[in-house]
Every structure is written in C-alpha cells, then in structure tokens.
Amino acid sequence: MNVSADYVRTDEHGALRVGSGRVALESILAAWGQGHSPETIRSQYPALSLEEVYGAIAWSLAHPDELATYLKRQEAVWEHWQKRAESQVSPLRERLRAAKPRARAS
C-alpha cells in the first residue's frame, strides 16, 4: 500500500503551511534548526500532530531547491513590508524616538 500525505501546503497568500492549520513551515524549521526535537516542536504547536511535524521536516529535506526559492521569496516580502513600515511616519514611533534621548540623560 503506497499512501502519501501532504504535510506541507501553500495557502491563499503563497505561504507554506504545515498540516491543515496556519502553522508556518518556517516556524517548524526554525525550531528544528535550533535543535528542538520533533516532539518538543509538537508540544509548541498543539494544532499539529507529531506525524505532521516529522512530515514537514522530511518535506524540507526532500525539496531543498523549492525550499530555498520559497525562503528567498519570503525574505523579499519581509524586506518590502519592513521598508514600507519604516517609510510611514508613526506618531507613536516619533514619541518613542523623542523619549529615547531623555531616558539616556536620566
């Protein structure tokens, strides 16, 4: 019997998700890269089964080129939003920046 499960899927925004929930593949891989066991990762993300955690790790190992392309694209998306946020003047940010020198002087 050859049954294959889809542990990693692409959501409506193009993000890779694990299982049927909203857990980002990057979250699983970051925890795994930090040395956490799949069992520990499972406890951090109760929406996932242990099988889904192992499946996501196995998927990433089986698809290194696809993963690298995806992570590069996600980094570009992050940089876009970071630049956009930095270019917008926020009254709160301005107040915090103004308060910083006063806090150092105290």
N, C-alpha and C. Protein backbone atom coordinates (compact mmCIF):
# COMPACT_ATOMS: atom_id res chain seq x y z
N MET A 1 0.85 -1.18 0.00
CA MET A 1 0.00 0.00 0.00
C MET A 1 0.90 1.24 0.00
N ASN A 2 0.70 2.15 -0.93
CA ASN A 2 1.50 3.36 -1.05
C ASN A 2 0.60 4.57 -0.85
N VAL A 3 0.57 5.06 0.38
CA VAL A 3 -0.26 6.21 0.71
C VAL A 3 0.66 7.38 1.00
N SER A 4 0.38 8.52 0.38
CA SER A 4 1.22 9.70 0.58
C SER A 4 0.37 10.81 1.18
N ALA A 5 0.87 11.44 2.22
CA ALA A 5 0.16 12.55 2.85
C ALA A 5 0.84 13.85 2.45
N ASP A 6 0.06 14.89 2.30
CA ASP A 6 0.60 16.22 2.03
C ASP A 6 0.77 16.95 3.35
N TYR A 7 1.99 17.01 3.82
CA TYR A 7 2.26 17.65 5.10
C TYR A 7 2.46 19.15 4.95
N VAL A 8 2.89 19.58 3.78
CA VAL A 8 3.15 20.99 3.53
C VAL A 8 2.24 21.43 2.39
N ARG A 9 1.57 22.54 2.59
CA ARG A 9 0.67 23.06 1.56
C ARG A 9 0.90 24.56 1.41
N THR A 10 0.47 25.08 0.30
CA THR A 10 0.57 26.51 0.03
C THR A 10 -0.79 27.14 0.32
N ASP A 11 -0.81 28.19 1.15
CA ASP A 11 -2.08 28.85 1.47
C ASP A 11 -2.45 29.86 0.39
N GLU A 12 -3.54 30.56 0.61
CA GLU A 12 -4.07 31.50 -0.38
C GLU A 12 -3.14 32.69 -0.64
N HIS A 13 -2.18 32.92 0.23
CA HIS A 13 -1.23 34.02 0.07
C HIS A 13 0.13 33.56 -0.43
N GLY A 14 0.26 32.28 -0.70
CA GLY A 14 1.51 31.74 -1.20
C GLY A 14 2.47 31.29 -0.11
N ALA A 15 2.04 31.33 1.15
CA ALA A 15 2.89 30.90 2.26
C ALA A 15 2.78 29.38 2.42
N LEU A 16 3.88 28.75 2.79
CA LEU A 16 3.88 27.31 3.03
C LEU A 16 3.43 27.06 4.47
N ARG A 17 2.42 26.23 4.61
CA ARG A 17 1.84 25.90 5.91
C ARG A 17 1.95 24.40 6.15
N VAL A 18 1.99 24.03 7.41
CA VAL A 18 2.08 22.62 7.80
C VAL A 18 0.71 22.17 8.29
N GLY A 19 0.29 21.01 7.84
CA GLY A 19 -0.99 20.47 8.24
C GLY A 19 -2.14 21.29 7.69
N SER A 20 -3.28 21.19 8.34
CA SER A 20 -4.46 21.91 7.86
C SER A 20 -4.63 23.26 8.55
N GLY A 21 -3.75 23.58 9.49
CA GLY A 21 -3.86 24.84 10.22
C GLY A 21 -3.04 25.95 9.58
N ARG A 22 -2.66 26.92 10.39
CA ARG A 22 -1.95 28.10 9.91
C ARG A 22 -0.49 28.13 10.34
N VAL A 23 0.06 27.02 10.80
CA VAL A 23 1.44 26.99 11.27
C VAL A 23 2.37 27.10 10.07
N ALA A 24 3.24 28.11 10.10
CA ALA A 24 4.17 28.35 9.00
C ALA A 24 5.28 27.31 9.02
N LEU A 25 5.65 26.86 7.84
CA LEU A 25 6.75 25.90 7.71
C LEU A 25 8.02 26.47 8.34
N GLU A 26 8.24 27.79 8.17
CA GLU A 26 9.43 28.42 8.72
C GLU A 26 9.52 28.26 10.24
N SER A 27 8.38 28.27 10.90
CA SER A 27 8.36 28.11 12.36
C SER A 27 8.86 26.73 12.76
N ILE A 28 8.40 25.73 12.04
CA ILE A 28 8.82 24.36 12.34
C ILE A 28 10.32 24.21 12.07
N LEU A 29 10.76 24.72 10.93
CA LEU A 29 12.16 24.56 10.55
C LEU A 29 13.09 25.37 11.43
N ALA A 30 12.63 26.53 11.90
CA ALA A 30 13.46 27.33 12.82
C ALA A 30 13.66 26.58 14.14
N ALA A 31 12.60 26.01 14.66
CA ALA A 31 12.71 25.26 15.92
C ALA A 31 13.61 24.04 15.73
N TRP A 32 13.44 23.35 14.63
CA TRP A 32 14.27 22.18 14.34
C TRP A 32 15.72 22.59 14.18
N GLY A 33 15.97 23.71 13.49
CA GLY A 33 17.32 24.21 13.31
C GLY A 33 17.99 24.63 14.61
N GLN A 34 17.17 25.00 15.60
CA GLN A 34 17.69 25.37 16.92
C GLN A 34 17.93 24.14 17.79
N GLY A 35 17.69 22.98 17.24
CA GLY A 35 17.98 21.75 17.96
C GLY A 35 16.82 21.13 18.71
N HIS A 36 15.61 21.67 18.54
CA HIS A 36 14.45 21.10 19.21
C HIS A 36 14.05 19.79 18.53
N SER A 37 13.63 18.85 19.32
CA SER A 37 13.18 17.57 18.77
C SER A 37 11.79 17.75 18.16
N PRO A 38 11.40 16.87 17.25
CA PRO A 38 10.04 16.94 16.72
C PRO A 38 8.98 16.86 17.82
N GLU A 39 9.27 16.10 18.87
CA GLU A 39 8.31 16.01 19.98
C GLU A 39 8.16 17.35 20.70
N THR A 40 9.26 18.05 20.89
CA THR A 40 9.20 19.37 21.51
C THR A 40 8.48 20.36 20.61
N ILE A 41 8.78 20.30 19.32
CA ILE A 41 8.10 21.18 18.36
C ILE A 41 6.61 20.91 18.39
N ARG A 42 6.24 19.65 18.44
CA ARG A 42 4.81 19.28 18.51
C ARG A 42 4.16 19.89 19.74
N SER A 43 4.86 19.90 20.85
CA SER A 43 4.27 20.47 22.07
C SER A 43 4.12 21.99 21.96
N GLN A 44 4.97 22.62 21.14
CA GLN A 44 4.88 24.07 20.93
C GLN A 44 3.74 24.44 19.99
N TYR A 45 3.33 23.52 19.15
CA TYR A 45 2.28 23.75 18.16
C TYR A 45 1.22 22.66 18.30
N PRO A 46 0.32 22.79 19.26
CA PRO A 46 -0.66 21.73 19.53
C PRO A 46 -1.63 21.49 18.38
N ALA A 47 -1.71 22.40 17.41
CA ALA A 47 -2.59 22.18 16.26
C ALA A 47 -2.02 21.12 15.33
N LEU A 48 -0.75 20.76 15.50
CA LEU A 48 -0.11 19.79 14.64
C LEU A 48 0.02 18.44 15.33
N SER A 49 -0.01 17.41 14.52
CA SER A 49 0.29 16.08 15.04
C SER A 49 1.79 15.86 14.92
N LEU A 50 2.29 14.88 15.64
CA LEU A 50 3.71 14.55 15.55
C LEU A 50 4.05 14.10 14.13
N GLU A 51 3.14 13.40 13.51
CA GLU A 51 3.34 12.98 12.12
C GLU A 51 3.51 14.19 11.20
N GLU A 52 2.71 15.23 11.40
CA GLU A 52 2.81 16.43 10.57
C GLU A 52 4.15 17.15 10.77
N VAL A 53 4.64 17.16 12.01
CA VAL A 53 5.95 17.79 12.27
C VAL A 53 7.05 17.02 11.55
N TYR A 54 7.07 15.71 11.73
CA TYR A 54 8.06 14.88 11.04
C TYR A 54 7.89 15.02 9.52
N GLY A 55 6.65 15.06 9.06
CA GLY A 55 6.38 15.18 7.63
C GLY A 55 6.90 16.49 7.06
N ALA A 56 6.75 17.58 7.80
CA ALA A 56 7.25 18.89 7.35
C ALA A 56 8.77 18.88 7.26
N ILE A 57 9.41 18.27 8.24
CA ILE A 57 10.88 18.18 8.21
C ILE A 57 11.32 17.33 7.03
N ALA A 58 10.66 16.20 6.84
CA ALA A 58 11.01 15.32 5.72
C ALA A 58 10.77 16.03 4.39
N TRP A 59 9.67 16.77 4.28
CA TRP A 59 9.39 17.51 3.05
C TRP A 59 10.51 18.50 2.76
N SER A 60 10.96 19.21 3.79
CA SER A 60 12.01 20.22 3.58
C SER A 60 13.32 19.57 3.13
N LEU A 61 13.61 18.38 3.64
CA LEU A 61 14.82 17.67 3.24
C LEU A 61 14.70 17.13 1.81
N ALA A 62 13.49 16.78 1.41
CA ALA A 62 13.27 16.22 0.08
C ALA A 62 13.14 17.29 -1.00
N HIS A 63 12.93 18.55 -0.61
CA HIS A 63 12.70 19.64 -1.57
C HIS A 63 13.61 20.83 -1.28
N PRO A 64 14.92 20.64 -1.27
CA PRO A 64 15.82 21.74 -0.89
C PRO A 64 15.77 22.93 -1.84
N ASP A 65 15.64 22.68 -3.14
CA ASP A 65 15.60 23.79 -4.09
C ASP A 65 14.31 24.60 -3.95
N GLU A 66 13.20 23.90 -3.84
CA GLU A 66 11.91 24.57 -3.67
C GLU A 66 11.89 25.37 -2.37
N LEU A 67 12.46 24.79 -1.31
CA LEU A 67 12.51 25.48 -0.02
C LEU A 67 13.39 26.73 -0.10
N ALA A 68 14.54 26.62 -0.74
CA ALA A 68 15.44 27.76 -0.86
C ALA A 68 14.78 28.90 -1.64
N THR A 69 14.10 28.56 -2.73
CA THR A 69 13.39 29.57 -3.52
C THR A 69 12.31 30.24 -2.69
N TYR A 70 11.56 29.44 -1.97
CA TYR A 70 10.49 29.97 -1.12
C TYR A 70 11.04 30.89 -0.04
N LEU A 71 12.10 30.46 0.65
CA LEU A 71 12.65 31.28 1.73
C LEU A 71 13.22 32.59 1.20
N LYS A 72 13.81 32.56 0.02
CA LYS A 72 14.33 33.78 -0.60
C LYS A 72 13.16 34.73 -0.92
N ARG A 73 12.08 34.17 -1.42
CA ARG A 73 10.90 34.99 -1.72
C ARG A 73 10.29 35.57 -0.44
N GLN A 74 10.23 34.77 0.60
CA GLN A 74 9.68 35.27 1.86
C GLN A 74 10.54 36.38 2.44
N GLU A 75 11.85 36.26 2.28
CA GLU A 75 12.74 37.30 2.76
C GLU A 75 12.50 38.61 2.01
N ALA A 76 12.25 38.52 0.71
CA ALA A 76 11.96 39.71 -0.08
C ALA A 76 10.64 40.34 0.35
N VAL A 77 9.66 39.51 0.66
CA VAL A 77 8.37 40.02 1.15
C VAL A 77 8.58 40.75 2.49
N TRP A 78 9.34 40.14 3.37
CA TRP A 78 9.62 40.75 4.67
C TRP A 78 10.31 42.10 4.50
N GLU A 79 11.31 42.15 3.64
CA GLU A 79 12.03 43.41 3.41
C GLU A 79 11.11 44.48 2.84
N HIS A 80 10.21 44.09 1.95
CA HIS A 80 9.25 45.04 1.38
C HIS A 80 8.41 45.67 2.49
N TRP A 81 7.84 44.83 3.34
CA TRP A 81 6.96 45.34 4.40
C TRP A 81 7.75 46.12 5.44
N GLN A 82 8.98 45.72 5.70
CA GLN A 82 9.81 46.45 6.65
C GLN A 82 10.11 47.86 6.13
N LYS A 83 10.48 47.96 4.86
CA LYS A 83 10.74 49.26 4.26
C LYS A 83 9.49 50.12 4.25
N ARG A 84 8.38 49.52 3.94
CA ARG A 84 7.10 50.25 3.92
C ARG A 84 6.78 50.80 5.31
N ALA A 85 6.96 49.95 6.32
CA ALA A 85 6.67 50.39 7.70
C ALA A 85 7.62 51.51 8.12
N GLU A 86 8.88 51.40 7.73
CA GLU A 86 9.86 52.42 8.11
C GLU A 86 9.61 53.74 7.40
N SER A 87 9.01 53.69 6.22
CA SER A 87 8.77 54.92 5.46
C SER A 87 7.55 55.68 5.94
N GLN A 88 6.70 55.03 6.69
CA GLN A 88 5.49 55.69 7.20
C GLN A 88 5.79 56.34 8.54
N VAL A 89 5.38 57.58 8.66
CA VAL A 89 5.59 58.30 9.91
C VAL A 89 4.50 57.87 10.90
N SER A 90 4.95 57.39 12.00
CA SER A 90 4.03 56.95 13.05
C SER A 90 4.17 57.88 14.24
N PRO A 91 3.08 58.48 14.67
CA PRO A 91 3.17 59.36 15.84
C PRO A 91 3.75 58.65 17.07
N LEU A 92 3.39 57.40 17.26
CA LEU A 92 3.91 56.65 18.40
C LEU A 92 5.41 56.45 18.26
N ARG A 93 5.87 56.08 17.06
CA ARG A 93 7.30 55.89 16.85
C ARG A 93 8.05 57.20 17.10
N GLU A 94 7.51 58.30 16.64
CA GLU A 94 8.16 59.60 16.85
C GLU A 94 8.25 59.94 18.34
N ARG A 95 7.20 59.66 19.09
CA ARG A 95 7.23 59.92 20.53
C ARG A 95 8.26 59.04 21.22
N LEU A 96 8.35 57.77 20.79
CA LEU A 96 9.34 56.86 21.39
C LEU A 96 10.76 57.30 21.06
N ARG A 97 10.98 57.72 19.83
CA ARG A 97 12.32 58.19 19.46
C ARG A 97 12.68 59.45 20.23
N ALA A 98 11.72 60.34 20.43
CA ALA A 98 11.97 61.58 21.18
C ALA A 98 12.25 61.27 22.65
N ALA A 99 11.61 60.24 23.17
CA ALA A 99 11.79 59.89 24.58
C ALA A 99 13.11 59.17 24.83
N LYS A 100 13.68 58.56 23.82
CA LYS A 100 14.93 57.80 23.99
C LYS A 100 16.08 58.66 24.50
N PRO A 101 16.34 59.82 23.91
CA PRO A 101 17.43 60.66 24.45
C PRO A 101 17.17 61.13 25.89
N ARG A 102 15.93 61.40 26.20
CA ARG A 102 15.60 61.81 27.57
C ARG A 102 15.86 60.69 28.55
N ALA A 103 15.58 59.47 28.14
CA ALA A 103 15.79 58.31 29.02
C ALA A 103 17.29 58.08 29.26
N ARG A 104 18.10 58.33 28.25
CA ARG A 104 19.55 58.18 28.41
C ARG A 104 20.11 59.24 29.33
N ALA A 105 19.53 60.43 29.30
CA ALA A 105 20.02 61.54 30.12
C ALA A 105 19.70 61.33 31.59
N SER A 106 18.73 60.52 31.89
CA SER A 106 18.33 60.30 33.30
C SER A 106 19.30 59.47 34.06
